[in-house]
Amino acid sequence: MTHSLLVPSSLAREAEDKREATRKIGYVARAATIFRIDRLTVYPDPAGEQKYDDGFVATVLRYAATPPELRKELWDTRDELEYAGVLPPLRALSQTGSGSDGSGSLRQGIVTKAGTDGHVRVNCGLQHPISLPVPDGMDLTEGERVTVRVSSREPVRAKLVDVDPSGFVVDRSDLDTAVSRSDAGLAIAASRYGEELTPKRLDEIAPQCRRESATGGDLADSAFTVAFGAPERGLPEILGFTPEKIREDGCKETGGFDLWLNTVPNQGSQVVRTEEAVFATLACLNLME
């Protein structure tokens, strides 16, 4: 199951300063964590950028997705992270230890040294990096993120487990590529000009998210990719479409999307901010059975 979220490089275009831009990006990271997004992609919108580009947005998102105990190890001082202190804590389940299904707690770690004796040194937020044997079939390199099951801290007892690190990964890709990935599932464009989402329509959409991938593999439950526009610059403008074209095409197969959905119908504000639209949309999609 893959849930993907697409946001533009112009996400923070109307922020007055770097502090406010960082805070807005943090809200998107928070939404991605709450609703268990697997991948958060920043797509280019150079025409809409002002002070902050895709490098800034992606860097702040990657930093936010990094467990606090690993940030010092992974990140040096960078201009993009000047106001990282205003980012809301994500508290992803495995980072707090509550995501474990077995004995001990699951923690994310970073490989600091890959030895030739079948062991690696891993920083996983304990007092010191620890040496762990590499399980058969697992090939690890320096700098790679891993999952560690810690069963005791005094004395330290831990082992590497073949589980993907929790939380979301961040990448950068053009919009066309992102919506046509083999694991994209149902490709949804969130826009006020799309079809209004209702409980009945949500029930109709759910089976479409369980269709097979292009490679023939089952995408399992509710695999989807949902894309958002930027403040005062929605997806139609970014893609060069008029709202009329979207309505005439029946909100289908425009820009490579399967659906154009208005997930905040009858909005009471003239403008719904991108970070607000992300929360509203993912909350609706989270209800699919």
Protein backbone atom coordinates (compact mmCIF):
# COMPACT_ATOMS: atom_id res chain seq x y z
CA MET A 1 0.00 0.00 0.00
CA THR A 2 1.44 3.35 -1.01
CA HIS A 3 0.02 6.73 -0.12
CA SER A 4 1.72 9.62 -1.89
CA LEU A 5 1.35 13.36 -1.40
CA LEU A 6 2.47 15.87 -4.05
CA VAL A 7 3.12 19.52 -3.21
CA PRO A 8 4.65 22.26 -5.41
CA SER A 9 7.98 24.01 -4.98
CA SER A 10 5.89 27.19 -4.61
CA LEU A 11 4.25 25.86 -1.45
CA ALA A 12 5.57 28.74 0.69
CA ARG A 13 5.34 31.43 -1.96
CA GLU A 14 3.25 33.88 0.09
CA ALA A 15 5.17 33.47 3.37
CA GLU A 16 6.44 36.81 4.67
CA ASP A 17 9.75 35.41 5.92
CA LYS A 18 11.72 32.18 6.32
CA ARG A 19 10.26 31.54 9.75
CA GLU A 20 6.69 31.56 8.43
CA ALA A 21 7.71 29.51 5.37
CA THR A 22 9.24 26.87 7.64
CA ARG A 23 6.13 26.76 9.81
CA LYS A 24 3.83 26.25 6.79
CA ILE A 25 5.98 23.42 5.47
CA GLY A 26 5.94 21.88 8.94
CA TYR A 27 2.14 21.73 8.91
CA VAL A 28 2.30 19.69 5.69
CA ALA A 29 4.83 17.33 7.27
CA ARG A 30 2.55 17.01 10.30
CA ALA A 31 -0.42 16.09 8.10
CA ALA A 32 1.66 13.53 6.21
CA THR A 33 2.60 11.87 9.50
CA ILE A 34 -0.91 11.88 11.01
CA PHE A 35 -2.44 10.27 7.93
CA ARG A 36 0.41 7.80 7.32
CA ILE A 37 1.66 9.13 4.00
CA ASP A 38 4.48 6.98 2.64
CA ARG A 39 6.02 9.40 0.16
CA LEU A 40 5.96 13.18 -0.06
CA THR A 41 7.06 14.52 -3.44
CA VAL A 42 7.97 18.13 -4.21
CA TYR A 43 7.25 18.92 -7.85
CA PRO A 44 8.65 22.00 -9.64
CA ASP A 45 6.59 25.16 -10.11
CA PRO A 46 9.29 27.72 -10.96
CA ALA A 47 6.76 30.20 -12.33
CA GLY A 48 5.10 30.37 -8.92
CA GLU A 49 8.18 30.48 -6.73
CA GLN A 50 9.19 33.66 -5.00
CA LYS A 51 11.83 33.51 -2.25
CA TYR A 52 11.70 29.76 -1.69
CA ASP A 53 12.34 27.02 -4.26
CA ASP A 54 12.02 23.25 -4.36
CA GLY A 55 15.41 22.83 -2.67
CA PHE A 56 14.21 24.81 0.34
CA VAL A 57 10.87 23.00 0.58
CA ALA A 58 12.38 19.52 0.18
CA THR A 59 15.18 20.21 2.70
CA VAL A 60 12.77 21.40 5.40
CA LEU A 61 10.50 18.40 4.78
CA ARG A 62 13.41 15.95 4.97
CA TYR A 63 14.62 17.52 8.19
CA ALA A 64 11.12 17.37 9.68
CA ALA A 65 10.86 13.67 8.75
CA THR A 66 14.16 12.87 10.50
CA PRO A 67 13.75 11.56 14.07
CA PRO A 68 14.99 14.20 16.56
CA GLU A 69 17.72 11.94 17.93
CA LEU A 70 19.25 11.58 14.46
CA ARG A 71 19.12 15.17 13.28
CA LYS A 72 22.52 16.18 14.66
CA GLU A 73 24.11 13.17 12.96
CA LEU A 74 22.42 13.74 9.60
CA TRP A 75 22.24 17.51 9.28
CA ASP A 76 24.89 20.18 9.45
CA THR A 77 24.04 23.86 9.91
CA ARG A 78 22.20 24.98 6.78
CA ASP A 79 20.57 28.24 5.76
CA GLU A 80 17.32 26.45 4.92
CA LEU A 81 17.07 25.19 8.51
CA GLU A 82 17.60 28.53 10.25
CA TYR A 83 14.11 28.36 11.79
CA ALA A 84 13.80 24.58 12.14
CA GLY A 85 12.88 25.13 15.77
CA VAL A 86 9.36 26.24 14.79
CA LEU A 87 8.59 22.89 13.13
CA PRO A 88 5.84 21.01 14.98
CA PRO A 89 6.97 17.65 16.43
CA LEU A 90 5.81 14.75 14.27
CA ARG A 91 6.08 12.00 16.91
CA ALA A 92 5.79 9.19 14.39
CA LEU A 93 4.82 5.98 16.21
CA SER A 94 8.03 3.99 15.80
CA GLN A 95 10.07 7.00 16.88
CA THR A 96 8.38 6.91 20.28
CA GLY A 97 8.60 3.15 20.57
CA SER A 98 4.85 2.54 20.47
CA GLY A 99 4.84 1.04 17.00
CA SER A 100 6.33 -2.29 17.94
CA ASP A 101 4.44 -5.53 17.41
CA GLY A 102 7.07 -7.64 19.16
CA SER A 103 9.35 -7.50 22.18
CA GLY A 104 11.01 -4.11 22.56
CA SER A 105 10.50 -0.88 20.71
CA LEU A 106 11.22 0.03 17.10
CA ARG A 107 13.55 2.95 16.50
CA GLN A 108 14.99 4.52 13.40
CA GLY A 109 18.75 4.57 13.02
CA ILE A 110 21.47 5.73 10.68
CA VAL A 111 24.43 3.56 9.63
CA THR A 112 27.57 5.47 10.62
CA LYS A 113 30.07 2.79 9.57
CA ALA A 114 29.76 -0.35 7.48
CA GLY A 115 32.37 -2.94 8.47
CA THR A 116 33.73 -5.91 6.57
CA ASP A 117 32.94 -8.39 9.35
CA GLY A 118 29.20 -8.50 8.80
CA HIS A 119 28.55 -5.78 11.36
CA VAL A 120 27.59 -2.11 11.10
CA ARG A 121 27.71 0.74 13.58
CA VAL A 122 24.32 2.39 14.01
CA ASN A 123 23.26 5.62 15.70
CA CYS A 124 19.68 5.08 16.89
CA GLY A 125 19.41 7.73 19.57
CA LEU A 126 21.05 5.79 22.38
CA GLN A 127 23.97 7.26 24.30
CA HIS A 128 26.51 5.92 21.78
CA PRO A 129 26.41 4.29 18.34
CA ILE A 130 26.12 0.51 18.66
CA SER A 131 27.59 -2.34 16.64
CA LEU A 132 24.98 -4.72 15.22
CA PRO A 133 25.21 -7.82 13.00
CA VAL A 134 23.63 -7.44 9.58
CA PRO A 135 20.85 -10.00 8.96
CA ASP A 136 21.19 -12.30 5.95
CA GLY A 137 19.95 -10.68 2.76
CA MET A 138 20.30 -7.13 4.06
CA ASP A 139 22.95 -5.01 2.32
CA LEU A 140 23.70 -1.78 4.18
CA THR A 141 25.92 1.18 3.37
CA GLU A 142 27.10 4.17 5.37
CA GLY A 143 24.42 6.85 5.71
CA GLU A 144 21.51 4.46 5.16
CA ARG A 145 18.44 4.67 7.40
CA VAL A 146 17.49 1.43 9.17
CA THR A 147 15.02 0.12 11.74
CA VAL A 148 16.33 -1.19 15.06
CA ARG A 149 14.41 -3.17 17.67
CA VAL A 150 15.68 -2.20 21.12
CA SER A 151 14.69 -4.71 23.81
CA SER A 152 16.91 -3.30 26.59
CA ARG A 153 18.81 -0.09 27.22
CA GLU A 154 20.77 -1.26 30.32
CA PRO A 155 22.56 -3.30 29.12
CA VAL A 156 21.93 -2.48 25.47
CA ARG A 157 20.22 -5.29 23.58
CA ALA A 158 19.18 -4.47 20.02
CA LYS A 159 19.01 -5.93 16.55
CA LEU A 160 18.39 -4.77 13.00
CA VAL A 161 15.00 -5.71 11.59
CA ASP A 162 13.87 -5.83 7.98
CA VAL A 163 11.18 -3.19 8.39
CA ASP A 164 10.99 0.02 6.41
CA PRO A 165 11.63 3.08 8.61
CA SER A 166 8.33 4.63 9.62
CA GLY A 167 7.15 8.01 8.48
CA PHE A 168 7.43 9.37 4.97
CA VAL A 169 10.28 9.69 2.52
CA VAL A 170 10.79 12.91 0.59
CA ASP A 171 11.78 13.17 -3.04
CA ARG A 172 11.66 15.65 -5.93
CA SER A 173 10.04 14.80 -9.25
CA ASP A 174 8.07 16.42 -12.04
CA LEU A 175 4.33 16.11 -11.77
CA ASP A 176 3.85 13.86 -14.81
CA THR A 177 6.33 11.30 -13.51
CA ALA A 178 4.91 11.35 -10.00
CA VAL A 179 1.32 10.60 -11.05
CA SER A 180 2.34 7.85 -13.49
CA ARG A 181 4.45 5.76 -11.10
CA SER A 182 3.58 2.06 -11.05
CA ASP A 183 2.61 2.32 -7.37
CA ALA A 184 0.72 5.62 -7.68
CA GLY A 185 -2.70 4.02 -7.34
CA LEU A 186 -5.60 6.38 -7.93
CA ALA A 187 -4.23 9.78 -9.02
CA ILE A 188 -6.27 12.60 -7.48
CA ALA A 189 -5.99 16.34 -8.10
CA ALA A 190 -7.32 18.44 -5.22
CA SER A 191 -8.94 21.60 -6.56
CA ARG A 192 -11.91 23.84 -5.83
CA TYR A 193 -12.88 23.34 -9.49
CA GLY A 194 -13.13 19.57 -9.15
CA GLU A 195 -16.11 17.36 -8.47
CA GLU A 196 -17.52 17.91 -4.99
CA LEU A 197 -16.65 15.05 -2.67
CA THR A 198 -19.59 13.53 -0.79
CA PRO A 199 -19.86 10.43 1.45
CA LYS A 200 -21.52 8.55 -1.40
CA ARG A 201 -18.79 9.54 -3.86
CA LEU A 202 -16.11 8.52 -1.37
CA ASP A 203 -17.65 5.03 -1.20
CA GLU A 204 -17.50 4.85 -5.01
CA ILE A 205 -13.88 5.96 -5.12
CA ALA A 206 -12.60 3.45 -2.55
CA PRO A 207 -12.68 0.37 -4.87
CA GLN A 208 -10.72 2.30 -7.51
CA CYS A 209 -7.84 2.68 -5.05
CA ARG A 210 -7.50 -1.10 -4.86
CA ARG A 211 -6.95 -1.67 -8.55
CA GLU A 212 -3.90 -3.55 -9.78
CA SER A 213 -0.71 -1.72 -10.61
CA ALA A 214 0.69 -1.49 -14.12
CA THR A 215 3.07 -4.35 -13.29
CA GLY A 216 0.26 -6.67 -12.27
CA GLY A 217 0.92 -6.50 -8.54
CA ASP A 218 -1.88 -5.85 -6.11
CA LEU A 219 -1.71 -2.35 -4.63
CA ALA A 220 -3.69 -3.59 -1.60
CA ASP A 221 -5.97 -1.20 0.25
CA SER A 222 -6.40 2.47 -0.66
CA ALA A 223 -3.28 3.16 -2.71
CA PHE A 224 -3.51 6.73 -3.94
CA THR A 225 -1.54 9.78 -5.02
CA VAL A 226 -3.04 13.18 -4.26
CA ALA A 227 -1.64 16.46 -5.58
CA PHE A 228 -2.11 20.03 -4.36
CA GLY A 229 -1.48 23.45 -5.79
CA ALA A 230 0.08 26.51 -4.21
CA PRO A 231 -1.38 29.57 -2.44
CA GLU A 232 -3.20 31.74 -4.99
CA ARG A 233 -1.94 29.34 -7.66
CA GLY A 234 -3.95 26.16 -7.92
CA LEU A 235 -3.27 23.06 -9.98
CA PRO A 236 -5.17 24.34 -13.05
CA GLU A 237 -2.92 27.40 -13.28
CA ILE A 238 0.23 25.37 -12.61
CA LEU A 239 -0.72 22.94 -15.39
CA GLY A 240 -1.88 25.68 -17.75
CA PHE A 241 -5.55 24.65 -17.73
CA THR A 242 -8.58 26.84 -17.31
CA PRO A 243 -11.26 25.86 -14.79
CA GLU A 244 -13.66 25.57 -17.73
CA LYS A 245 -11.49 22.91 -19.37
CA ILE A 246 -11.54 20.83 -16.21
CA ARG A 247 -15.33 21.09 -15.99
CA GLU A 248 -15.78 20.30 -19.70
CA ASP A 249 -13.59 17.21 -19.43
CA GLY A 250 -15.71 15.94 -16.57
CA CYS A 251 -12.77 16.31 -14.17
CA LYS A 252 -11.18 13.18 -15.65
CA GLU A 253 -7.92 12.51 -17.46
CA THR A 254 -6.80 16.13 -17.27
CA GLY A 255 -3.13 16.49 -16.47
CA GLY A 256 -2.75 12.72 -16.10
CA PHE A 257 -5.10 12.51 -13.10
CA ASP A 258 -7.93 10.02 -12.69
CA LEU A 259 -10.05 12.44 -10.68
CA TRP A 260 -10.29 16.13 -9.87
CA LEU A 261 -11.91 16.50 -6.46
CA ASN A 262 -13.11 19.43 -4.41
CA THR A 263 -12.60 18.10 -0.89
CA VAL A 264 -13.75 21.33 0.80
CA PRO A 265 -17.16 21.94 -0.80
CA ASN A 266 -19.12 24.99 0.29
CA GLN A 267 -16.00 26.54 1.74
CA GLY A 268 -16.68 29.53 3.95
CA SER A 269 -13.37 31.26 3.23
CA GLN A 270 -12.46 32.77 -0.10
CA VAL A 271 -9.13 30.92 -0.01
CA VAL A 272 -8.24 27.58 1.55
CA ARG A 273 -4.52 27.49 2.26
CA THR A 274 -2.55 24.57 0.91
CA GLU A 275 -1.68 23.18 4.34
CA GLU A 276 -5.38 23.42 5.31
CA ALA A 277 -6.44 21.64 2.11
CA VAL A 278 -3.93 18.87 2.82
CA PHE A 279 -5.46 18.17 6.24
CA ALA A 280 -9.04 18.34 4.90
CA THR A 281 -8.34 16.07 1.93
CA LEU A 282 -6.34 13.42 3.77
CA ALA A 283 -8.97 13.30 6.52
CA CYS A 284 -11.60 12.44 3.89
CA LEU A 285 -9.44 9.83 2.14
CA ASN A 286 -8.59 8.29 5.51
CA LEU A 287 -12.26 7.24 5.83
CA MET A 288 -12.17 4.94 2.80
CA GLU A 289 -12.78 1.30 3.66
